[in-house]
Amino acid sequence: MATSQNHLIQQLPTEVRHRFLKRCEPFDLQLSAELSVRGQPLTHAYFPCSGFISLVIDVDSHPALEVGMVGCESMLGSELALGLAKTPWRALVQGPGSSWRVGAQALRECLLDMPALLDVVQTSLLVRLHQQALASACERFHMLGPRLARWLLMSQDRAQSDTFHVTQEFMALMLGVRRVGVTMAASGFQDSGLIEYHRGEVTVLDRAALEAEACSCYVADKLILTELTAHRH
């Protein structure tokens, strides 16, 4: 059962939050579930309370690549504020948890009726655009090891736990590389005592050291969210 512990929903004035939640329903985020399909109309928007969702791009015959991550700090479906119903990515549940779900048409009605909701949804969309631009540059210019460290930190933040489930196949999918590359990089972190990996379970043992290994995009990504949210207020 979801609670209203999604950061966007929590930002709403109390009266608006209660009105909006009446239009929503609790929805379990099940591992590997596909919440949106590339080129297909969005049927719902999702506001994670726990767990997290990856936005994955497929290009020709190349490995799929993660271009965004959505956790309790954000939402899936903010583009509905623009009247758009189709996306260029697939949305896959990467970390199981709970969320609030609202139908696409119901969200549009709420956005027209609740200016405070429109404000936070538009901010969420702007944050994601900035973060996706950063992710594109990161994938192009940064080495696999620092990118993997960044991705593990982002996953830990959204899992809200030192331990979370992820397979090496999934890590390779998210980073757009072959599994052997992820295996080597993850083994290096494990040998150095930064993480422990066993049967699909990753445990971050030394977060400070992992942050030191991560590329600058990890801090930059968090600053985007902080600065744009502060500007909105």
C-alpha atoms as a PDB file:
ATOM      1  CA  MET A   1       0.000   0.000   0.000  1.00  0.00           C
ATOM      2  CA  ALA A   2       1.424   3.375  -1.028  1.00  0.00           C
ATOM      3  CA  THR A   3       1.721   6.341   1.249  1.00  0.00           C
ATOM      4  CA  SER A   4       2.122   9.941   0.129  1.00  0.00           C
ATOM      5  CA  GLN A   5       5.885   9.826   0.627  1.00  0.00           C
ATOM      6  CA  ASN A   6       6.610  10.931  -2.895  1.00  0.00           C
ATOM      7  CA  HIS A   7       8.549  14.192  -2.768  1.00  0.00           C
ATOM      8  CA  LEU A   8       6.489  15.889  -5.470  1.00  0.00           C
ATOM      9  CA  ILE A   9       3.217  15.047  -3.765  1.00  0.00           C
ATOM     10  CA  GLN A  10       4.647  16.108  -0.416  1.00  0.00           C
ATOM     11  CA  GLN A  11       5.422  19.556  -1.861  1.00  0.00           C
ATOM     12  CA  LEU A  12       1.743  20.194  -2.545  1.00  0.00           C
ATOM     13  CA  PRO A  13      -0.317  22.284  -0.114  1.00  0.00           C
ATOM     14  CA  THR A  14      -2.231  19.988   2.246  1.00  0.00           C
ATOM     15  CA  GLU A  15      -5.650  20.628   0.716  1.00  0.00           C
ATOM     16  CA  VAL A  16      -4.377  20.132  -2.843  1.00  0.00           C
ATOM     17  CA  ARG A  17      -2.484  16.996  -1.818  1.00  0.00           C
ATOM     18  CA  HIS A  18      -5.627  15.435  -0.351  1.00  0.00           C
ATOM     19  CA  ARG A  19      -7.693  16.301  -3.432  1.00  0.00           C
ATOM     20  CA  PHE A  20      -5.082  14.886  -5.762  1.00  0.00           C
ATOM     21  CA  LEU A  21      -4.611  11.640  -3.835  1.00  0.00           C
ATOM     22  CA  LYS A  22      -8.350  11.017  -4.093  1.00  0.00           C
ATOM     23  CA  ARG A  23      -7.821  10.742  -7.861  1.00  0.00           C
ATOM     24  CA  CYS A  24      -4.892   8.328  -7.429  1.00  0.00           C
ATOM     25  CA  GLU A  25      -4.676   4.651  -6.547  1.00  0.00           C
ATOM     26  CA  PRO A  26      -1.924   2.656  -4.806  1.00  0.00           C
ATOM     27  CA  PHE A  27       0.163   0.663  -7.283  1.00  0.00           C
ATOM     28  CA  ASP A  28       2.910  -1.869  -6.582  1.00  0.00           C
ATOM     29  CA  LEU A  29       6.098  -1.497  -8.608  1.00  0.00           C
ATOM     30  CA  GLN A  30       7.090  -5.051  -9.478  1.00  0.00           C
ATOM     31  CA  LEU A  31      10.676  -5.794 -10.495  1.00  0.00           C
ATOM     32  CA  SER A  32      11.227  -5.711 -14.294  1.00  0.00           C
ATOM     33  CA  ALA A  33       7.634  -4.598 -15.012  1.00  0.00           C
ATOM     34  CA  GLU A  34       7.352  -2.402 -18.116  1.00  0.00           C
ATOM     35  CA  LEU A  35       5.246   0.668 -17.302  1.00  0.00           C
ATOM     36  CA  SER A  36       5.444   2.356 -20.680  1.00  0.00           C
ATOM     37  CA  VAL A  37       6.317   1.194 -24.170  1.00  0.00           C
ATOM     38  CA  ARG A  38       8.233   3.233 -26.715  1.00  0.00           C
ATOM     39  CA  GLY A  39       5.891   4.928 -29.162  1.00  0.00           C
ATOM     40  CA  GLN A  40       2.750   3.843 -27.312  1.00  0.00           C
ATOM     41  CA  PRO A  41       0.376   6.306 -25.590  1.00  0.00           C
ATOM     42  CA  LEU A  42       0.891   6.700 -21.859  1.00  0.00           C
ATOM     43  CA  THR A  43      -2.091   5.368 -19.957  1.00  0.00           C
ATOM     44  CA  HIS A  44      -0.977   6.421 -16.466  1.00  0.00           C
ATOM     45  CA  ALA A  45       1.460   8.577 -14.532  1.00  0.00           C
ATOM     46  CA  TYR A  46       3.341   7.106 -11.580  1.00  0.00           C
ATOM     47  CA  PHE A  47       4.599   8.777  -8.401  1.00  0.00           C
ATOM     48  CA  PRO A  48       7.004   6.323  -6.702  1.00  0.00           C
ATOM     49  CA  CYS A  49       7.074   6.270  -2.902  1.00  0.00           C
ATOM     50  CA  SER A  50       9.717   3.539  -2.785  1.00  0.00           C
ATOM     51  CA  GLY A  51      11.523   1.625  -5.485  1.00  0.00           C
ATOM     52  CA  PHE A  52      12.661   3.186  -8.756  1.00  0.00           C
ATOM     53  CA  ILE A  53      12.147   3.118 -12.506  1.00  0.00           C
ATOM     54  CA  SER A  54      14.653   3.263 -15.371  1.00  0.00           C
ATOM     55  CA  LEU A  55      13.992   5.014 -18.677  1.00  0.00           C
ATOM     56  CA  VAL A  56      15.625   2.921 -21.394  1.00  0.00           C
ATOM     57  CA  ILE A  57      16.303   3.821 -25.026  1.00  0.00           C
ATOM     58  CA  ASP A  58      16.629   1.192 -27.782  1.00  0.00           C
ATOM     59  CA  VAL A  59      18.565   2.276 -30.886  1.00  0.00           C
ATOM     60  CA  ASP A  60      18.758  -0.087 -33.859  1.00  0.00           C
ATOM     61  CA  SER A  61      20.708  -3.232 -32.925  1.00  0.00           C
ATOM     62  CA  HIS A  62      22.801  -1.539 -30.233  1.00  0.00           C
ATOM     63  CA  PRO A  63      22.504  -2.492 -26.552  1.00  0.00           C
ATOM     64  CA  ALA A  64      19.736  -0.654 -24.747  1.00  0.00           C
ATOM     65  CA  LEU A  65      20.856   2.384 -22.744  1.00  0.00           C
ATOM     66  CA  GLU A  66      19.435   3.980 -19.619  1.00  0.00           C
ATOM     67  CA  VAL A  67      18.801   7.715 -20.094  1.00  0.00           C
ATOM     68  CA  GLY A  68      16.986   8.465 -16.847  1.00  0.00           C
ATOM     69  CA  MET A  69      16.021   7.164 -13.433  1.00  0.00           C
ATOM     70  CA  VAL A  70      12.828   7.954 -11.507  1.00  0.00           C
ATOM     71  CA  GLY A  71      12.460   7.453  -7.762  1.00  0.00           C
ATOM     72  CA  CYS A  72      10.527   9.049  -4.926  1.00  0.00           C
ATOM     73  CA  GLU A  73      12.023  12.426  -5.850  1.00  0.00           C
ATOM     74  CA  SER A  74      10.170  12.524  -9.157  1.00  0.00           C
ATOM     75  CA  MET A  75       7.449  10.973 -11.326  1.00  0.00           C
ATOM     76  CA  LEU A  76       6.934   9.040 -14.531  1.00  0.00           C
ATOM     77  CA  GLY A  77       4.654  10.782 -17.006  1.00  0.00           C
ATOM     78  CA  SER A  78       5.401  14.480 -16.467  1.00  0.00           C
ATOM     79  CA  GLU A  79       5.274  14.986 -20.251  1.00  0.00           C
ATOM     80  CA  LEU A  80       1.495  14.662 -19.963  1.00  0.00           C
ATOM     81  CA  ALA A  81       1.591  18.275 -18.763  1.00  0.00           C
ATOM     82  CA  LEU A  82       2.496  19.177 -22.357  1.00  0.00           C
ATOM     83  CA  GLY A  83      -0.414  17.209 -23.748  1.00  0.00           C
ATOM     84  CA  LEU A  84       1.933  14.517 -25.074  1.00  0.00           C
ATOM     85  CA  ALA A  85       1.010  10.874 -24.701  1.00  0.00           C
ATOM     86  CA  LYS A  86       3.911   9.003 -26.318  1.00  0.00           C
ATOM     87  CA  THR A  87       7.510   8.591 -25.166  1.00  0.00           C
ATOM     88  CA  PRO A  88      10.730   7.579 -26.968  1.00  0.00           C
ATOM     89  CA  TRP A  89      11.761   5.186 -24.169  1.00  0.00           C
ATOM     90  CA  ARG A  90      10.644   2.150 -22.231  1.00  0.00           C
ATOM     91  CA  ALA A  91      10.041   2.538 -18.503  1.00  0.00           C
ATOM     92  CA  LEU A  92      11.250  -0.519 -16.556  1.00  0.00           C
ATOM     93  CA  VAL A  93      10.920  -1.065 -12.816  1.00  0.00           C
ATOM     94  CA  GLN A  94      14.494  -1.468 -11.621  1.00  0.00           C
ATOM     95  CA  GLY A  95      13.804  -1.492  -7.884  1.00  0.00           C
ATOM     96  CA  PRO A  96      10.509  -2.911  -6.547  1.00  0.00           C
ATOM     97  CA  GLY A  97       8.404  -0.745  -4.277  1.00  0.00           C
ATOM     98  CA  SER A  98       5.155   1.185  -4.072  1.00  0.00           C
ATOM     99  CA  SER A  99       3.725   4.179  -5.872  1.00  0.00           C
ATOM    100  CA  TRP A 100       0.658   6.243  -6.534  1.00  0.00           C
ATOM    101  CA  ARG A 101      -0.836   5.833 -10.019  1.00  0.00           C
ATOM    102  CA  VAL A 102      -3.236   8.163 -11.789  1.00  0.00           C
ATOM    103  CA  GLY A 103      -4.829   7.812 -15.228  1.00  0.00           C
ATOM    104  CA  ALA A 104      -3.515  10.070 -17.985  1.00  0.00           C
ATOM    105  CA  GLN A 105      -6.842  11.871 -18.485  1.00  0.00           C
ATOM    106  CA  ALA A 106      -7.387  12.227 -14.739  1.00  0.00           C
ATOM    107  CA  LEU A 107      -3.930  13.801 -14.397  1.00  0.00           C
ATOM    108  CA  ARG A 108      -4.681  16.285 -17.171  1.00  0.00           C
ATOM    109  CA  GLU A 109      -7.898  17.274 -15.408  1.00  0.00           C
ATOM    110  CA  CYS A 110      -6.048  17.705 -12.122  1.00  0.00           C
ATOM    111  CA  LEU A 111      -3.382  19.844 -13.797  1.00  0.00           C
ATOM    112  CA  LEU A 112      -6.074  22.190 -15.110  1.00  0.00           C
ATOM    113  CA  ASP A 113      -7.793  22.348 -11.737  1.00  0.00           C
ATOM    114  CA  MET A 114      -4.753  22.488  -9.432  1.00  0.00           C
ATOM    115  CA  PRO A 115      -2.107  25.121 -10.310  1.00  0.00           C
ATOM    116  CA  ALA A 116       0.156  23.908  -7.494  1.00  0.00           C
ATOM    117  CA  LEU A 117       0.220  20.427  -9.032  1.00  0.00           C
ATOM    118  CA  LEU A 118       0.987  21.863 -12.468  1.00  0.00           C
ATOM    119  CA  ASP A 119       3.895  23.762 -10.929  1.00  0.00           C
ATOM    120  CA  VAL A 120       5.555  20.688  -9.415  1.00  0.00           C
ATOM    121  CA  VAL A 121       4.927  18.532 -12.515  1.00  0.00           C
ATOM    122  CA  GLN A 122       6.455  21.167 -14.815  1.00  0.00           C
ATOM    123  CA  THR A 123       9.460  21.436 -12.513  1.00  0.00           C
ATOM    124  CA  SER A 124       9.819  17.644 -12.562  1.00  0.00           C
ATOM    125  CA  LEU A 125       9.794  17.684 -16.356  1.00  0.00           C
ATOM    126  CA  LEU A 126      12.433  20.428 -16.493  1.00  0.00           C
ATOM    127  CA  VAL A 127      14.655  18.555 -14.028  1.00  0.00           C
ATOM    128  CA  ARG A 128      14.418  15.402 -16.120  1.00  0.00           C
ATOM    129  CA  LEU A 129      15.348  17.259 -19.319  1.00  0.00           C
ATOM    130  CA  HIS A 130      18.453  18.672 -17.620  1.00  0.00           C
ATOM    131  CA  GLN A 131      19.366  15.284 -16.158  1.00  0.00           C
ATOM    132  CA  GLN A 132      18.960  13.495 -19.485  1.00  0.00           C
ATOM    133  CA  ALA A 133      21.228  16.006 -21.198  1.00  0.00           C
ATOM    134  CA  LEU A 134      23.810  15.362 -18.488  1.00  0.00           C
ATOM    135  CA  ALA A 135      23.386  11.586 -18.848  1.00  0.00           C
ATOM    136  CA  SER A 136      24.063  11.823 -22.599  1.00  0.00           C
ATOM    137  CA  ALA A 137      27.306  13.693 -22.020  1.00  0.00           C
ATOM    138  CA  CYS A 138      28.293  11.270 -19.253  1.00  0.00           C
ATOM    139  CA  GLU A 139      27.808   8.235 -21.494  1.00  0.00           C
ATOM    140  CA  ARG A 140      29.922   9.863 -24.225  1.00  0.00           C
ATOM    141  CA  PHE A 141      32.849  11.215 -22.220  1.00  0.00           C
ATOM    142  CA  HIS A 142      33.239   9.264 -18.970  1.00  0.00           C
ATOM    143  CA  MET A 143      34.850   5.875 -18.429  1.00  0.00           C
ATOM    144  CA  LEU A 144      32.844   2.815 -17.386  1.00  0.00           C
ATOM    145  CA  GLY A 145      34.184   2.606 -13.816  1.00  0.00           C
ATOM    146  CA  PRO A 146      33.168   6.139 -12.773  1.00  0.00           C
ATOM    147  CA  ARG A 147      29.843   5.725 -14.588  1.00  0.00           C
ATOM    148  CA  LEU A 148      29.158   2.472 -12.742  1.00  0.00           C
ATOM    149  CA  ALA A 149      29.979   4.138  -9.410  1.00  0.00           C
ATOM    150  CA  ARG A 150      27.578   6.956 -10.235  1.00  0.00           C
ATOM    151  CA  TRP A 151      24.847   4.497 -11.219  1.00  0.00           C
ATOM    152  CA  LEU A 152      25.283   2.454  -8.023  1.00  0.00           C
ATOM    153  CA  LEU A 153      25.019   5.619  -5.914  1.00  0.00           C
ATOM    154  CA  MET A 154      21.901   6.744  -7.772  1.00  0.00           C
ATOM    155  CA  SER A 155      20.353   3.306  -7.270  1.00  0.00           C
ATOM    156  CA  GLN A 156      21.225   3.295  -3.574  1.00  0.00           C
ATOM    157  CA  ASP A 157      19.670   6.753  -3.144  1.00  0.00           C
ATOM    158  CA  ARG A 158      16.403   5.622  -4.670  1.00  0.00           C
ATOM    159  CA  ALA A 159      16.377   2.210  -3.013  1.00  0.00           C
ATOM    160  CA  GLN A 160      16.814   4.050   0.319  1.00  0.00           C
ATOM    161  CA  SER A 161      18.924   1.128   1.495  1.00  0.00           C
ATOM    162  CA  ASP A 162      22.571   0.041   1.470  1.00  0.00           C
ATOM    163  CA  THR A 163      21.491  -3.232  -0.150  1.00  0.00           C
ATOM    164  CA  PHE A 164      19.472  -3.536  -3.340  1.00  0.00           C
ATOM    165  CA  HIS A 165      18.835  -6.155  -6.026  1.00  0.00           C
ATOM    166  CA  VAL A 166      20.439  -5.873  -9.454  1.00  0.00           C
ATOM    167  CA  THR A 167      21.969  -8.422 -11.808  1.00  0.00           C
ATOM    168  CA  GLN A 168      25.120  -7.838 -13.837  1.00  0.00           C
ATOM    169  CA  GLU A 169      23.008  -8.274 -16.970  1.00  0.00           C
ATOM    170  CA  PHE A 170      20.798  -5.414 -15.815  1.00  0.00           C
ATOM    171  CA  MET A 171      23.798  -3.231 -14.949  1.00  0.00           C
ATOM    172  CA  ALA A 172      25.171  -3.812 -18.447  1.00  0.00           C
ATOM    173  CA  LEU A 173      21.780  -2.942 -19.925  1.00  0.00           C
ATOM    174  CA  MET A 174      21.569   0.281 -17.924  1.00  0.00           C
ATOM    175  CA  LEU A 175      25.083   1.381 -18.900  1.00  0.00           C
ATOM    176  CA  GLY A 176      24.830   0.299 -22.528  1.00  0.00           C
ATOM    177  CA  VAL A 177      27.888  -1.949 -22.400  1.00  0.00           C
ATOM    178  CA  ARG A 178      28.742  -5.640 -22.567  1.00  0.00           C
ATOM    179  CA  ARG A 179      28.422  -7.678 -19.389  1.00  0.00           C
ATOM    180  CA  VAL A 180      32.160  -8.432 -19.281  1.00  0.00           C
ATOM    181  CA  GLY A 181      32.944  -4.728 -18.834  1.00  0.00           C
ATOM    182  CA  VAL A 182      30.537  -4.391 -15.921  1.00  0.00           C
ATOM    183  CA  THR A 183      31.912  -7.588 -14.363  1.00  0.00           C
ATOM    184  CA  MET A 184      35.462  -6.207 -14.392  1.00  0.00           C
ATOM    185  CA  ALA A 185      34.476  -2.807 -13.005  1.00  0.00           C
ATOM    186  CA  ALA A 186      32.226  -4.267 -10.294  1.00  0.00           C
ATOM    187  CA  SER A 187      34.927  -6.802  -9.326  1.00  0.00           C
ATOM    188  CA  GLY A 188      37.376  -3.933  -8.896  1.00  0.00           C
ATOM    189  CA  PHE A 189      34.991  -2.151  -6.521  1.00  0.00           C
ATOM    190  CA  GLN A 190      34.402  -5.385  -4.616  1.00  0.00           C
ATOM    191  CA  ASP A 191      38.131  -6.155  -4.304  1.00  0.00           C
ATOM    192  CA  SER A 192      38.674  -2.644  -2.931  1.00  0.00           C
ATOM    193  CA  GLY A 193      35.964  -3.118  -0.309  1.00  0.00           C
ATOM    194  CA  LEU A 194      33.582  -0.536  -1.759  1.00  0.00           C
ATOM    195  CA  ILE A 195      30.740  -2.953  -2.475  1.00  0.00           C
ATOM    196  CA  GLU A 196      29.746  -6.545  -1.931  1.00  0.00           C
ATOM    197  CA  TYR A 197      27.980  -8.411  -4.713  1.00  0.00           C
ATOM    198  CA  HIS A 198      26.388 -11.829  -4.289  1.00  0.00           C
ATOM    199  CA  ARG A 199      23.638 -13.470  -6.329  1.00  0.00           C
ATOM    200  CA  GLY A 200      22.136 -10.271  -7.619  1.00  0.00           C
ATOM    201  CA  GLU A 201      22.349  -8.395  -4.310  1.00  0.00           C
ATOM    202  CA  VAL A 202      24.601  -5.319  -4.137  1.00  0.00           C
ATOM    203  CA  THR A 203      25.590  -3.893  -0.759  1.00  0.00           C
ATOM    204  CA  VAL A 204      27.398  -0.558  -0.597  1.00  0.00           C
ATOM    205  CA  LEU A 205      30.075  -0.985   2.087  1.00  0.00           C
ATOM    206  CA  ASP A 206      31.985   2.299   1.736  1.00  0.00           C
ATOM    207  CA  ARG A 207      29.790   5.038   0.312  1.00  0.00           C
ATOM    208  CA  ALA A 208      32.389   7.785   0.706  1.00  0.00           C
ATOM    209  CA  ALA A 209      34.929   5.808  -1.305  1.00  0.00           C
ATOM    210  CA  LEU A 210      32.325   4.996  -3.951  1.00  0.00           C
ATOM    211  CA  GLU A 211      31.482   8.698  -4.235  1.00  0.00           C
ATOM    212  CA  ALA A 212      35.184   9.401  -4.753  1.00  0.00           C
ATOM    213  CA  GLU A 213      35.215   6.892  -7.618  1.00  0.00           C
ATOM    214  CA  ALA A 214      32.090   8.310  -9.279  1.00  0.00           C
ATOM    215  CA  CYS A 215      32.267  10.797 -12.119  1.00  0.00           C
ATOM    216  CA  SER A 216      31.320  14.422 -11.466  1.00  0.00           C
ATOM    217  CA  CYS A 217      27.884  13.799 -12.969  1.00  0.00           C
ATOM    218  CA  TYR A 218      26.632  12.266  -9.719  1.00  0.00           C
ATOM    219  CA  VAL A 219      26.987  15.532  -7.798  1.00  0.00           C
ATOM    220  CA  ALA A 220      25.889  17.566 -10.834  1.00  0.00           C
ATOM    221  CA  ASP A 221      22.739  15.468 -11.145  1.00  0.00           C
ATOM    222  CA  LYS A 222      21.767  16.146  -7.526  1.00  0.00           C
ATOM    223  CA  LEU A 223      22.505  19.873  -7.897  1.00  0.00           C
ATOM    224  CA  ILE A 224      20.123  20.101 -10.851  1.00  0.00           C
ATOM    225  CA  LEU A 225      17.281  18.817  -8.678  1.00  0.00           C
ATOM    226  CA  THR A 226      18.190  21.037  -5.727  1.00  0.00           C
ATOM    227  CA  GLU A 227      18.680  24.256  -7.703  1.00  0.00           C
ATOM    228  CA  LEU A 228      15.590  23.974  -9.887  1.00  0.00           C
ATOM    229  CA  THR A 229      13.384  23.020  -6.943  1.00  0.00           C
ATOM    230  CA  ALA A 230      14.768  25.929  -4.903  1.00  0.00           C
ATOM    231  CA  HIS A 231      14.186  28.309  -7.836  1.00  0.00           C
ATOM    232  CA  ARG A 232      10.568  27.192  -8.052  1.00  0.00           C
ATOM    233  CA  HIS A 233      10.052  28.167  -4.406  1.00  0.00           C
END
